Amino acid sequence: MCDAYQNALRTVADSYDAEVARWGGKSLSRVATIVVSSGAFFQRLRDGKTFSVTNLERFASWFRVPANWPDHTIPRDAAAALISIGRPPLSANIMPHPYSINDAAVAFDKRPVLKRADA
């Protein structure tokens, strides 16, 4: 993995850690467990280990959503790092759909069907 991507992910992780220290919230270890099922991911990153493009994409997708940050705001240095890897932060009022195009979707706009008790 290119050093620029590793540095960008470290910057995002450090920013997130600082925000957790300031506001409280999920630890980086907990985020890594949620995103890639490995709580030691960021410690390994700090130890100089590399990571896959798939894991980079997973973390970028998670960190670019403001609702995933402790104060629901992405700090400037983290935003710049996300932009540098081609994954700019999403608007605060946009929540990405958790499914890919080929996955099942649920329609939420259907009206409930009520049956009469005497019918």
PDB file of N, CA and C in Angstrom:
ATOM      1  N   MET A   1       0.861  -1.182   0.000  1.00  0.00           N
ATOM      2  CA  MET A   1       0.000   0.000   0.000  1.00  0.00           C
ATOM      3  C   MET A   1       0.899   1.234   0.000  1.00  0.00           C
ATOM      4  N   CYS A   2       0.544   2.196  -0.765  1.00  0.00           N
ATOM      5  CA  CYS A   2       1.294   3.442  -0.915  1.00  0.00           C
ATOM      6  C   CYS A   2       1.372   4.196   0.423  1.00  0.00           C
ATOM      7  N   ASP A   3       2.525   4.817   0.669  1.00  0.00           N
ATOM      8  CA  ASP A   3       2.704   5.586   1.906  1.00  0.00           C
ATOM      9  C   ASP A   3       1.664   6.691   2.058  1.00  0.00           C
ATOM     10  N   ALA A   4       1.242   7.285   0.942  1.00  0.00           N
ATOM     11  CA  ALA A   4       0.252   8.364   1.015  1.00  0.00           C
ATOM     12  C   ALA A   4      -1.056   7.858   1.609  1.00  0.00           C
ATOM     13  N   TYR A   5      -1.465   6.652   1.246  1.00  0.00           N
ATOM     14  CA  TYR A   5      -2.691   6.079   1.791  1.00  0.00           C
ATOM     15  C   TYR A   5      -2.526   5.735   3.268  1.00  0.00           C
ATOM     16  N   GLN A   6      -1.359   5.184   3.609  1.00  0.00           N
ATOM     17  CA  GLN A   6      -1.097   4.863   5.014  1.00  0.00           C
ATOM     18  C   GLN A   6      -1.078   6.131   5.864  1.00  0.00           C
ATOM     19  N   ASN A   7      -0.422   7.167   5.364  1.00  0.00           N
ATOM     20  CA  ASN A   7      -0.374   8.432   6.098  1.00  0.00           C
ATOM     21  C   ASN A   7      -1.759   9.048   6.242  1.00  0.00           C
ATOM     22  N   ALA A   8      -2.556   8.971   5.192  1.00  0.00           N
ATOM     23  CA  ALA A   8      -3.914   9.517   5.248  1.00  0.00           C
ATOM     24  C   ALA A   8      -4.746   8.777   6.290  1.00  0.00           C
ATOM     25  N   LEU A   9      -4.659   7.455   6.298  1.00  0.00           N
ATOM     26  CA  LEU A   9      -5.437   6.687   7.270  1.00  0.00           C
ATOM     27  C   LEU A   9      -4.942   6.947   8.694  1.00  0.00           C
ATOM     28  N   ARG A  10      -3.635   7.100   8.863  1.00  0.00           N
ATOM     29  CA  ARG A  10      -3.104   7.458  10.193  1.00  0.00           C
ATOM     30  C   ARG A  10      -3.618   8.830  10.638  1.00  0.00           C
ATOM     31  N   THR A  11      -3.657   9.782   9.723  1.00  0.00           N
ATOM     32  CA  THR A  11      -4.161  11.121  10.047  1.00  0.00           C
ATOM     33  C   THR A  11      -5.617  11.065  10.479  1.00  0.00           C
ATOM     34  N   VAL A  12      -6.415  10.320   9.734  1.00  0.00           N
ATOM     35  CA  VAL A  12      -7.836  10.172  10.089  1.00  0.00           C
ATOM     36  C   VAL A  12      -7.962   9.509  11.458  1.00  0.00           C
ATOM     37  N   ALA A  13      -7.190   8.463  11.687  1.00  0.00           N
ATOM     38  CA  ALA A  13      -7.247   7.749  12.970  1.00  0.00           C
ATOM     39  C   ALA A  13      -6.816   8.658  14.124  1.00  0.00           C
ATOM     40  N   ASP A  14      -5.753   9.419  13.936  1.00  0.00           N
ATOM     41  CA  ASP A  14      -5.294  10.333  14.987  1.00  0.00           C
ATOM     42  C   ASP A  14      -6.336  11.407  15.267  1.00  0.00           C
ATOM     43  N   SER A  15      -6.965  11.919  14.224  1.00  0.00           N
ATOM     44  CA  SER A  15      -8.025  12.924  14.402  1.00  0.00           C
ATOM     45  C   SER A  15      -9.202  12.333  15.165  1.00  0.00           C
ATOM     46  N   TYR A  16      -9.573  11.121  14.795  1.00  0.00           N
ATOM     47  CA  TYR A  16     -10.693  10.460  15.478  1.00  0.00           C
ATOM     48  C   TYR A  16     -10.356  10.243  16.949  1.00  0.00           C
ATOM     49  N   ASP A  17      -9.136   9.776  17.207  1.00  0.00           N
ATOM     50  CA  ASP A  17      -8.690   9.558  18.593  1.00  0.00           C
ATOM     51  C   ASP A  17      -8.766  10.853  19.401  1.00  0.00           C
ATOM     52  N   ALA A  18      -8.345  11.965  18.807  1.00  0.00           N
ATOM     53  CA  ALA A  18      -8.395  13.264  19.496  1.00  0.00           C
ATOM     54  C   ALA A  18      -9.840  13.669  19.778  1.00  0.00           C
ATOM     55  N   GLU A  19     -10.737  13.411  18.824  1.00  0.00           N
ATOM     56  CA  GLU A  19     -12.141  13.749  19.028  1.00  0.00           C
ATOM     57  C   GLU A  19     -12.774  12.881  20.120  1.00  0.00           C
ATOM     58  N   VAL A  20     -12.389  11.629  20.186  1.00  0.00           N
ATOM     59  CA  VAL A  20     -12.887  10.748  21.252  1.00  0.00           C
ATOM     60  C   VAL A  20     -12.391  11.244  22.602  1.00  0.00           C
ATOM     61  N   ALA A  21     -11.139  11.673  22.677  1.00  0.00           N
ATOM     62  CA  ALA A  21     -10.602  12.209  23.928  1.00  0.00           C
ATOM     63  C   ALA A  21     -11.357  13.475  24.336  1.00  0.00           C
ATOM     64  N   ARG A  22     -11.761  14.258  23.366  1.00  0.00           N
ATOM     65  CA  ARG A  22     -12.459  15.523  23.644  1.00  0.00           C
ATOM     66  C   ARG A  22     -13.935  15.305  23.976  1.00  0.00           C
ATOM     67  N   TRP A  23     -14.628  14.456  23.197  1.00  0.00           N
ATOM     68  CA  TRP A  23     -16.079  14.328  23.317  1.00  0.00           C
ATOM     69  C   TRP A  23     -16.552  12.989  23.885  1.00  0.00           C
ATOM     70  N   GLY A  24     -15.663  11.992  23.899  1.00  0.00           N
ATOM     71  CA  GLY A  24     -16.088  10.649  24.280  1.00  0.00           C
ATOM     72  C   GLY A  24     -16.596   9.922  23.050  1.00  0.00           C
ATOM     73  N   GLY A  25     -16.752   8.624  23.158  1.00  0.00           N
ATOM     74  CA  GLY A  25     -17.255   7.846  22.024  1.00  0.00           C
ATOM     75  C   GLY A  25     -16.527   6.533  21.895  1.00  0.00           C
ATOM     76  N   LYS A  26     -16.736   5.878  20.771  1.00  0.00           N
ATOM     77  CA  LYS A  26     -16.124   4.578  20.509  1.00  0.00           C
ATOM     78  C   LYS A  26     -14.615   4.733  20.339  1.00  0.00           C
ATOM     79  N   SER A  27     -13.871   3.820  20.915  1.00  0.00           N
ATOM     80  CA  SER A  27     -12.420   3.831  20.741  1.00  0.00           C
ATOM     81  C   SER A  27     -12.068   3.382  19.325  1.00  0.00           C
ATOM     82  N   LEU A  28     -10.843   3.683  18.899  1.00  0.00           N
ATOM     83  CA  LEU A  28     -10.384   3.215  17.594  1.00  0.00           C
ATOM     84  C   LEU A  28     -10.403   1.698  17.521  1.00  0.00           C
ATOM     85  N   SER A  29     -10.088   1.061  18.620  1.00  0.00           N
ATOM     86  CA  SER A  29     -10.126  -0.395  18.651  1.00  0.00           C
ATOM     87  C   SER A  29     -11.541  -0.904  18.386  1.00  0.00           C
ATOM     88  N   ARG A  30     -12.533  -0.251  18.973  1.00  0.00           N
ATOM     89  CA  ARG A  30     -13.924  -0.647  18.752  1.00  0.00           C
ATOM     90  C   ARG A  30     -14.344  -0.382  17.305  1.00  0.00           C
ATOM     91  N   VAL A  31     -13.934   0.751  16.759  1.00  0.00           N
ATOM     92  CA  VAL A  31     -14.238   1.071  15.364  1.00  0.00           C
ATOM     93  C   VAL A  31     -13.620   0.011  14.448  1.00  0.00           C
ATOM     94  N   ALA A  32     -12.364  -0.353  14.703  1.00  0.00           N
ATOM     95  CA  ALA A  32     -11.701  -1.367  13.882  1.00  0.00           C
ATOM     96  C   ALA A  32     -12.420  -2.714  13.972  1.00  0.00           C
ATOM     97  N   THR A  33     -12.919  -3.030  15.142  1.00  0.00           N
ATOM     98  CA  THR A  33     -13.685  -4.265  15.298  1.00  0.00           C
ATOM     99  C   THR A  33     -14.970  -4.210  14.483  1.00  0.00           C
ATOM    100  N   ILE A  34     -15.646  -3.078  14.516  1.00  0.00           N
ATOM    101  CA  ILE A  34     -16.891  -2.911  13.759  1.00  0.00           C
ATOM    102  C   ILE A  34     -16.634  -2.961  12.255  1.00  0.00           C
ATOM    103  N   VAL A  35     -15.583  -2.290  11.803  1.00  0.00           N
ATOM    104  CA  VAL A  35     -15.349  -2.112  10.371  1.00  0.00           C
ATOM    105  C   VAL A  35     -14.650  -3.309   9.719  1.00  0.00           C
ATOM    106  N   VAL A  36     -13.616  -3.838  10.352  1.00  0.00           N
ATOM    107  CA  VAL A  36     -12.851  -4.930   9.732  1.00  0.00           C
ATOM    108  C   VAL A  36     -12.671  -6.143  10.650  1.00  0.00           C
ATOM    109  N   SER A  37     -13.405  -6.185  11.730  1.00  0.00           N
ATOM    110  CA  SER A  37     -13.365  -7.325  12.664  1.00  0.00           C
ATOM    111  C   SER A  37     -11.975  -7.582  13.229  1.00  0.00           C
ATOM    112  N   SER A  38     -11.223  -6.510  13.450  1.00  0.00           N
ATOM    113  CA  SER A  38      -9.886  -6.642  14.020  1.00  0.00           C
ATOM    114  C   SER A  38      -9.584  -5.422  14.879  1.00  0.00           C
ATOM    115  N   GLY A  39      -9.743  -5.571  16.187  1.00  0.00           N
ATOM    116  CA  GLY A  39      -9.512  -4.462  17.097  1.00  0.00           C
ATOM    117  C   GLY A  39      -8.076  -3.977  17.127  1.00  0.00           C
ATOM    118  N   ALA A  40      -7.142  -4.804  16.682  1.00  0.00           N
ATOM    119  CA  ALA A  40      -5.724  -4.441  16.696  1.00  0.00           C
ATOM    120  C   ALA A  40      -5.281  -3.732  15.416  1.00  0.00           C
ATOM    121  N   PHE A  41      -6.196  -3.450  14.508  1.00  0.00           N
ATOM    122  CA  PHE A  41      -5.837  -2.885  13.205  1.00  0.00           C
ATOM    123  C   PHE A  41      -4.997  -1.620  13.332  1.00  0.00           C
ATOM    124  N   PHE A  42      -5.436  -0.660  14.118  1.00  0.00           N
ATOM    125  CA  PHE A  42      -4.725   0.621  14.183  1.00  0.00           C
ATOM    126  C   PHE A  42      -3.399   0.508  14.926  1.00  0.00           C
ATOM    127  N   GLN A  43      -3.298  -0.402  15.879  1.00  0.00           N
ATOM    128  CA  GLN A  43      -2.011  -0.632  16.530  1.00  0.00           C
ATOM    129  C   GLN A  43      -1.024  -1.220  15.524  1.00  0.00           C
ATOM    130  N   ARG A  44      -1.500  -2.144  14.706  1.00  0.00           N
ATOM    131  CA  ARG A  44      -0.642  -2.719  13.666  1.00  0.00           C
ATOM    132  C   ARG A  44      -0.237  -1.645  12.652  1.00  0.00           C
ATOM    133  N   LEU A  45      -1.162  -0.742  12.322  1.00  0.00           N
ATOM    134  CA  LEU A  45      -0.845   0.356  11.406  1.00  0.00           C
ATOM    135  C   LEU A  45       0.254   1.234  12.004  1.00  0.00           C
ATOM    136  N   ARG A  46       0.144   1.535  13.287  1.00  0.00           N
ATOM    137  CA  ARG A  46       1.173   2.355  13.958  1.00  0.00           C
ATOM    138  C   ARG A  46       2.513   1.630  14.030  1.00  0.00           C
ATOM    139  N   ASP A  47       2.462   0.292  14.031  1.00  0.00           N
ATOM    140  CA  ASP A  47       3.691  -0.507  14.059  1.00  0.00           C
ATOM    141  C   ASP A  47       4.308  -0.672  12.671  1.00  0.00           C
ATOM    142  N   GLY A  48       3.699  -0.028  11.665  1.00  0.00           N
ATOM    143  CA  GLY A  48       4.255  -0.060  10.327  1.00  0.00           C
ATOM    144  C   GLY A  48       3.723  -1.163   9.426  1.00  0.00           C
ATOM    145  N   LYS A  49       2.735  -1.883   9.857  1.00  0.00           N
ATOM    146  CA  LYS A  49       2.142  -2.935   9.022  1.00  0.00           C
ATOM    147  C   LYS A  49       1.300  -2.302   7.916  1.00  0.00           C
ATOM    148  N   THR A  50       1.117  -3.020   6.838  1.00  0.00           N
ATOM    149  CA  THR A  50       0.329  -2.523   5.717  1.00  0.00           C
ATOM    150  C   THR A  50      -1.099  -3.043   5.817  1.00  0.00           C
ATOM    151  N   PHE A  51      -1.925  -2.648   4.859  1.00  0.00           N
ATOM    152  CA  PHE A  51      -3.318  -3.073   4.845  1.00  0.00           C
ATOM    153  C   PHE A  51      -3.787  -3.166   3.401  1.00  0.00           C
ATOM    154  N   SER A  52      -4.912  -3.816   3.213  1.00  0.00           N
ATOM    155  CA  SER A  52      -5.431  -4.017   1.863  1.00  0.00           C
ATOM    156  C   SER A  52      -6.250  -2.819   1.387  1.00  0.00           C
ATOM    157  N   VAL A  53      -6.447  -2.754   0.088  1.00  0.00           N
ATOM    158  CA  VAL A  53      -7.291  -1.724  -0.499  1.00  0.00           C
ATOM    159  C   VAL A  53      -8.719  -1.874   0.028  1.00  0.00           C
ATOM    160  N   THR A  54      -9.152  -3.104   0.208  1.00  0.00           N
ATOM    161  CA  THR A  54     -10.494  -3.362   0.731  1.00  0.00           C
ATOM    162  C   THR A  54     -10.669  -2.745   2.111  1.00  0.00           C
ATOM    163  N   ASN A  55      -9.680  -2.914   2.981  1.00  0.00           N
ATOM    164  CA  ASN A  55      -9.773  -2.324   4.327  1.00  0.00           C
ATOM    165  C   ASN A  55      -9.709  -0.804   4.275  1.00  0.00           C
ATOM    166  N   LEU A  56      -8.897  -0.263   3.376  1.00  0.00           N
ATOM    167  CA  LEU A  56      -8.855   1.194   3.211  1.00  0.00           C
ATOM    168  C   LEU A  56     -10.233   1.701   2.819  1.00  0.00           C
ATOM    169  N   GLU A  57     -10.863   1.040   1.863  1.00  0.00           N
ATOM    170  CA  GLU A  57     -12.188   1.454   1.400  1.00  0.00           C
ATOM    171  C   GLU A  57     -13.218   1.346   2.527  1.00  0.00           C
ATOM    172  N   ARG A  58     -13.136   0.299   3.316  1.00  0.00           N
ATOM    173  CA  ARG A  58     -14.080   0.132   4.429  1.00  0.00           C
ATOM    174  C   ARG A  58     -13.932   1.250   5.452  1.00  0.00           C
ATOM    175  N   PHE A  59     -12.696   1.566   5.813  1.00  0.00           N
ATOM    176  CA  PHE A  59     -12.488   2.638   6.791  1.00  0.00           C
ATOM    177  C   PHE A  59     -12.864   3.998   6.213  1.00  0.00           C
ATOM    178  N   ALA A  60     -12.508   4.244   4.963  1.00  0.00           N
ATOM    179  CA  ALA A  60     -12.866   5.521   4.341  1.00  0.00           C
ATOM    180  C   ALA A  60     -14.383   5.682   4.309  1.00  0.00           C
ATOM    181  N   SER A  61     -15.088   4.615   3.985  1.00  0.00           N
ATOM    182  CA  SER A  61     -16.557   4.667   3.960  1.00  0.00           C
ATOM    183  C   SER A  61     -17.125   4.965   5.339  1.00  0.00           C
ATOM    184  N   TRP A  62     -16.514   4.433   6.364  1.00  0.00           N
ATOM    185  CA  TRP A  62     -17.009   4.643   7.732  1.00  0.00           C
ATOM    186  C   TRP A  62     -16.673   6.050   8.230  1.00  0.00           C
ATOM    187  N   PHE A  63     -15.422   6.467   8.030  1.00  0.00           N
ATOM    188  CA  PHE A  63     -14.981   7.756   8.564  1.00  0.00           C
ATOM    189  C   PHE A  63     -15.523   8.948   7.787  1.00  0.00           C
ATOM    190  N   ARG A  64     -15.984   8.767   6.555  1.00  0.00           N
ATOM    191  CA  ARG A  64     -16.470   9.918   5.781  1.00  0.00           C
ATOM    192  C   ARG A  64     -17.898  10.309   6.138  1.00  0.00           C
ATOM    193  N   VAL A  65     -18.524   9.557   7.041  1.00  0.00           N
ATOM    194  CA  VAL A  65     -19.894   9.856   7.486  1.00  0.00           C
ATOM    195  C   VAL A  65     -19.813  10.648   8.795  1.00  0.00           C
ATOM    196  N   PRO A  66     -20.240  11.896   8.812  1.00  0.00           N
ATOM    197  CA  PRO A  66     -20.141  12.708  10.035  1.00  0.00           C
ATOM    198  C   PRO A  66     -20.816  12.081  11.256  1.00  0.00           C
ATOM    199  N   ALA A  67     -21.893  11.346  11.057  1.00  0.00           N
ATOM    200  CA  ALA A  67     -22.592  10.730  12.188  1.00  0.00           C
ATOM    201  C   ALA A  67     -21.733   9.702  12.916  1.00  0.00           C
ATOM    202  N   ASN A  68     -20.665   9.218  12.294  1.00  0.00           N
ATOM    203  CA  ASN A  68     -19.782   8.251  12.937  1.00  0.00           C
ATOM    204  C   ASN A  68     -18.710   8.905  13.814  1.00  0.00           C
ATOM    205  N   TRP A  69     -18.641  10.218  13.792  1.00  0.00           N
ATOM    206  CA  TRP A  69     -17.652  10.943  14.593  1.00  0.00           C
ATOM    207  C   TRP A  69     -18.283  11.385  15.907  1.00  0.00           C
ATOM    208  N   PRO A  70     -17.481  11.484  16.970  1.00  0.00           N
ATOM    209  CA  PRO A  70     -18.040  11.815  18.289  1.00  0.00           C
ATOM    210  C   PRO A  70     -18.907  13.067  18.329  1.00  0.00           C
ATOM    211  N   ASP A  71     -18.508  14.122  17.642  1.00  0.00           N
ATOM    212  CA  ASP A  71     -19.278  15.373  17.655  1.00  0.00           C
ATOM    213  C   ASP A  71     -20.105  15.537  16.374  1.00  0.00           C
ATOM    214  N   HIS A  72     -20.203  14.473  15.597  1.00  0.00           N
ATOM    215  CA  HIS A  72     -20.926  14.485  14.318  1.00  0.00           C
ATOM    216  C   HIS A  72     -20.344  15.503  13.340  1.00  0.00           C
ATOM    217  N   THR A  73     -19.050  15.806  13.524  1.00  0.00           N
ATOM    218  CA  THR A  73     -18.338  16.739  12.660  1.00  0.00           C
ATOM    219  C   THR A  73     -16.962  16.163  12.366  1.00  0.00           C
ATOM    220  N   ILE A  74     -16.578  16.171  11.111  1.00  0.00           N
ATOM    221  CA  ILE A  74     -15.264  15.653  10.733  1.00  0.00           C
ATOM    222  C   ILE A  74     -14.258  16.805  10.786  1.00  0.00           C
ATOM    223  N   PRO A  75     -13.200  16.677  11.598  1.00  0.00           N
ATOM    224  CA  PRO A  75     -12.187  17.745  11.687  1.00  0.00           C
ATOM    225  C   PRO A  75     -11.520  17.997  10.334  1.00  0.00           C
ATOM    226  N   ARG A  76     -10.988  19.200  10.164  1.00  0.00           N
ATOM    227  CA  ARG A  76     -10.400  19.603   8.884  1.00  0.00           C
ATOM    228  C   ARG A  76      -9.264  18.694   8.427  1.00  0.00           C
ATOM    229  N   ASP A  77      -8.366  18.326   9.344  1.00  0.00           N
ATOM    230  CA  ASP A  77      -7.236  17.489   8.920  1.00  0.00           C
ATOM    231  C   ASP A  77      -7.704  16.109   8.469  1.00  0.00           C
ATOM    232  N   ALA A  78      -8.722  15.560   9.127  1.00  0.00           N
ATOM    233  CA  ALA A  78      -9.273  14.275   8.708  1.00  0.00           C
ATOM    234  C   ALA A  78      -9.994  14.419   7.371  1.00  0.00           C
ATOM    235  N   ALA A  79     -10.734  15.513   7.207  1.00  0.00           N
ATOM    236  CA  ALA A  79     -11.436  15.760   5.938  1.00  0.00           C
ATOM    237  C   ALA A  79     -10.432  15.879   4.795  1.00  0.00           C
ATOM    238  N   ALA A  80      -9.344  16.597   5.033  1.00  0.00           N
ATOM    239  CA  ALA A  80      -8.315  16.745   3.997  1.00  0.00           C
ATOM    240  C   ALA A  80      -7.684  15.399   3.657  1.00  0.00           C
ATOM    241  N   ALA A  81      -7.463  14.568   4.666  1.00  0.00           N
ATOM    242  CA  ALA A  81      -6.891  13.237   4.424  1.00  0.00           C
ATOM    243  C   ALA A  81      -7.864  12.371   3.627  1.00  0.00           C
ATOM    244  N   LEU A  82      -9.142  12.442   3.950  1.00  0.00           N
ATOM    245  CA  LEU A  82     -10.141  11.680   3.195  1.00  0.00           C
ATOM    246  C   LEU A  82     -10.218  12.153   1.743  1.00  0.00           C
ATOM    247  N   ILE A  83     -10.151  13.455   1.549  1.00  0.00           N
ATOM    248  CA  ILE A  83     -10.159  14.006   0.190  1.00  0.00           C
ATOM    249  C   ILE A  83      -8.932  13.524  -0.581  1.00  0.00           C
ATOM    250  N   SER A  84      -7.786  13.461   0.104  1.00  0.00           N
ATOM    251  CA  SER A  84      -6.544  13.061  -0.567  1.00  0.00           C
ATOM    252  C   SER A  84      -6.580  11.625  -1.072  1.00  0.00           C
ATOM    253  N   ILE A  85      -7.445  10.785  -0.497  1.00  0.00           N
ATOM    254  CA  ILE A  85      -7.562   9.403  -0.977  1.00  0.00           C
ATOM    255  C   ILE A  85      -8.813   9.204  -1.832  1.00  0.00           C
ATOM    256  N   GLY A  86      -9.425  10.318  -2.208  1.00  0.00           N
ATOM    257  CA  GLY A  86     -10.561  10.251  -3.110  1.00  0.00           C
ATOM    258  C   GLY A  86     -11.881   9.889  -2.462  1.00  0.00           C
ATOM    259  N   ARG A  87     -11.979  10.072  -1.165  1.00  0.00           N
ATOM    260  CA  ARG A  87     -13.213   9.764  -0.433  1.00  0.00           C
ATOM    261  C   ARG A  87     -13.600  10.960   0.431  1.00  0.00           C
ATOM    262  N   PRO A  88     -14.079  12.039  -0.199  1.00  0.00           N
ATOM    263  CA  PRO A  88     -14.417  13.242   0.580  1.00  0.00           C
ATOM    264  C   PRO A  88     -15.541  12.980   1.564  1.00  0.00           C
ATOM    265  N   PRO A  89     -15.574  13.731   2.647  1.00  0.00           N
ATOM    266  CA  PRO A  89     -16.651  13.565   3.633  1.00  0.00           C
ATOM    267  C   PRO A  89     -18.018  13.787   2.994  1.00  0.00           C
ATOM    268  N   LEU A  90     -18.988  13.047   3.481  1.00  0.00           N
ATOM    269  CA  LEU A  90     -20.354  13.225   3.023  1.00  0.00           C
ATOM    270  C   LEU A  90     -20.995  14.371   3.780  1.00  0.00           C
ATOM    271  N   SER A  91     -22.020  14.943   3.212  1.00  0.00           N
ATOM    272  CA  SER A  91     -22.777  15.998   3.877  1.00  0.00           C
ATOM    273  C   SER A  91     -23.397  15.427   5.154  1.00  0.00           C
ATOM    274  N   ALA A  92     -23.561  16.273   6.144  1.00  0.00           N
ATOM    275  CA  ALA A  92     -24.102  15.824   7.438  1.00  0.00           C
ATOM    276  C   ALA A  92     -25.525  15.297   7.323  1.00  0.00           C
ATOM    277  N   ASN A  93     -26.262  15.710   6.299  1.00  0.00           N
ATOM    278  CA  ASN A  93     -27.642  15.254   6.185  1.00  0.00           C
ATOM    279  C   ASN A  93     -27.808  14.078   5.225  1.00  0.00           C
ATOM    280  N   ILE A  94     -26.706  13.500   4.770  1.00  0.00           N
ATOM    281  CA  ILE A  94     -26.767  12.335   3.886  1.00  0.00           C
ATOM    282  C   ILE A  94     -26.261  11.113   4.638  1.00  0.00           C
ATOM    283  N   MET A  95     -27.065  10.098   4.662  1.00  0.00           N
ATOM    284  CA  MET A  95     -26.635   8.823   5.227  1.00  0.00           C
ATOM    285  C   MET A  95     -26.537   7.833   4.075  1.00  0.00           C
ATOM    286  N   PRO A  96     -25.377   7.237   3.851  1.00  0.00           N
ATOM    287  CA  PRO A  96     -25.249   6.294   2.746  1.00  0.00           C
ATOM    288  C   PRO A  96     -26.106   5.058   2.985  1.00  0.00           C
ATOM    289  N   HIS A  97     -26.620   4.503   1.912  1.00  0.00           N
ATOM    290  CA  HIS A  97     -27.409   3.286   2.016  1.00  0.00           C
ATOM    291  C   HIS A  97     -26.467   2.145   2.355  1.00  0.00           C
ATOM    292  N   PRO A  98     -26.802   1.317   3.330  1.00  0.00           N
ATOM    293  CA  PRO A  98     -25.883   0.268   3.756  1.00  0.00           C
ATOM    294  C   PRO A  98     -25.769  -0.896   2.782  1.00  0.00           C
ATOM    295  N   TYR A  99     -26.595  -0.941   1.751  1.00  0.00           N
ATOM    296  CA  TYR A  99     -26.576  -2.054   0.816  1.00  0.00           C
ATOM    297  C   TYR A  99     -25.932  -1.650  -0.498  1.00  0.00           C
ATOM    298  N   SER A 100     -25.307  -2.609  -1.134  1.00  0.00           N
ATOM    299  CA  SER A 100     -24.815  -2.349  -2.486  1.00  0.00           C
ATOM    300  C   SER A 100     -25.969  -2.521  -3.460  1.00  0.00           C
ATOM    301  N   ILE A 101     -25.726  -2.219  -4.694  1.00  0.00           N
ATOM    302  CA  ILE A 101     -26.787  -2.241  -5.702  1.00  0.00           C
ATOM    303  C   ILE A 101     -27.421  -3.628  -5.819  1.00  0.00           C
ATOM    304  N   ASN A 102     -26.647  -4.675  -5.679  1.00  0.00           N
ATOM    305  CA  ASN A 102     -27.158  -6.025  -5.868  1.00  0.00           C
ATOM    306  C   ASN A 102     -27.821  -6.616  -4.629  1.00  0.00           C
ATOM    307  N   ASP A 103     -27.760  -5.920  -3.509  1.00  0.00           N
ATOM    308  CA  ASP A 103     -28.375  -6.427  -2.292  1.00  0.00           C
ATOM    309  C   ASP A 103     -29.863  -6.111  -2.255  1.00  0.00           C
ATOM    310  N   ALA A 104     -30.544  -6.775  -1.355  1.00  0.00           N
ATOM    311  CA  ALA A 104     -31.980  -6.538  -1.192  1.00  0.00           C
ATOM    312  C   ALA A 104     -32.215  -5.151  -0.613  1.00  0.00           C
ATOM    313  N   ALA A 105     -33.337  -4.576  -0.944  1.00  0.00           N
ATOM    314  CA  ALA A 105     -33.714  -3.271  -0.415  1.00  0.00           C
ATOM    315  C   ALA A 105     -35.107  -3.379   0.191  1.00  0.00           C
ATOM    316  N   VAL A 106     -35.398  -2.501   1.101  1.00  0.00           N
ATOM    317  CA  VAL A 106     -36.698  -2.486   1.755  1.00  0.00           C
ATOM    318  C   VAL A 106     -37.376  -1.167   1.434  1.00  0.00           C
ATOM    319  N   ALA A 107     -38.626  -1.229   0.991  1.00  0.00           N
ATOM    320  CA  ALA A 107     -39.387  -0.013   0.713  1.00  0.00           C
ATOM    321  C   ALA A 107     -40.046   0.453   1.998  1.00  0.00           C
ATOM    322  N   PHE A 108     -39.875   1.728   2.318  1.00  0.00           N
ATOM    323  CA  PHE A 108     -40.418   2.265   3.558  1.00  0.00           C
ATOM    324  C   PHE A 108     -41.653   3.131   3.345  1.00  0.00           C
ATOM    325  N   ASP A 109     -42.064   3.319   2.114  1.00  0.00           N
ATOM    326  CA  ASP A 109     -43.154   4.239   1.854  1.00  0.00           C
ATOM    327  C   ASP A 109     -44.523   3.549   1.689  1.00  0.00           C
ATOM    328  N   LYS A 110     -44.607   2.275   1.991  1.00  0.00           N
ATOM    329  CA  LYS A 110     -45.879   1.576   1.862  1.00  0.00           C
ATOM    330  C   LYS A 110     -46.773   1.876   3.056  1.00  0.00           C
ATOM    331  N   ARG A 111     -48.024   2.062   2.769  1.00  0.00           N
ATOM    332  CA  ARG A 111     -48.981   2.333   3.840  1.00  0.00           C
ATOM    333  C   ARG A 111     -49.390   1.018   4.499  1.00  0.00           C
ATOM    334  N   PRO A 112     -49.593   1.027   5.806  1.00  0.00           N
ATOM    335  CA  PRO A 112     -50.005  -0.205   6.478  1.00  0.00           C
ATOM    336  C   PRO A 112     -51.415  -0.619   6.053  1.00  0.00           C
ATOM    337  N   VAL A 113     -51.634  -1.887   5.999  1.00  0.00           N
ATOM    338  CA  VAL A 113     -52.938  -2.417   5.666  1.00  0.00           C
ATOM    339  C   VAL A 113     -53.622  -2.800   6.979  1.00  0.00           C
ATOM    340  N   LEU A 114     -54.753  -2.174   7.233  1.00  0.00           N
ATOM    341  CA  LEU A 114     -55.490  -2.439   8.472  1.00  0.00           C
ATOM    342  C   LEU A 114     -56.730  -3.264   8.149  1.00  0.00           C
ATOM    343  N   LYS A 115     -56.953  -4.275   8.915  1.00  0.00           N
ATOM    344  CA  LYS A 115     -58.136  -5.092   8.720  1.00  0.00           C
ATOM    345  C   LYS A 115     -59.111  -4.807   9.852  1.00  0.00           C
ATOM    346  N   ARG A 116     -60.346  -4.806   9.493  1.00  0.00           N
ATOM    347  CA  ARG A 116     -61.385  -4.607  10.510  1.00  0.00           C
ATOM    348  C   ARG A 116     -61.549  -5.897  11.313  1.00  0.00           C
ATOM    349  N   ALA A 117     -61.801  -5.749  12.574  1.00  0.00           N
ATOM    350  CA  ALA A 117     -61.937  -6.916  13.463  1.00  0.00           C
ATOM    351  C   ALA A 117     -63.170  -7.737  13.114  1.00  0.00           C
ATOM    352  N   ASP A 118     -64.237  -7.117  12.572  1.00  0.00           N
ATOM    353  CA  ASP A 118     -65.481  -7.847  12.273  1.00  0.00           C
ATOM    354  C   ASP A 118     -65.471  -8.427  10.859  1.00  0.00           C
ATOM    355  N   ALA A 119     -64.401  -8.272  10.143  1.00  0.00           N
ATOM    356  CA  ALA A 119     -64.377  -8.774   8.762  1.00  0.00           C
ATOM    357  C   ALA A 119     -63.991 -10.225   8.685  1.00  0.00           C
TER     358      ALA A 119
END
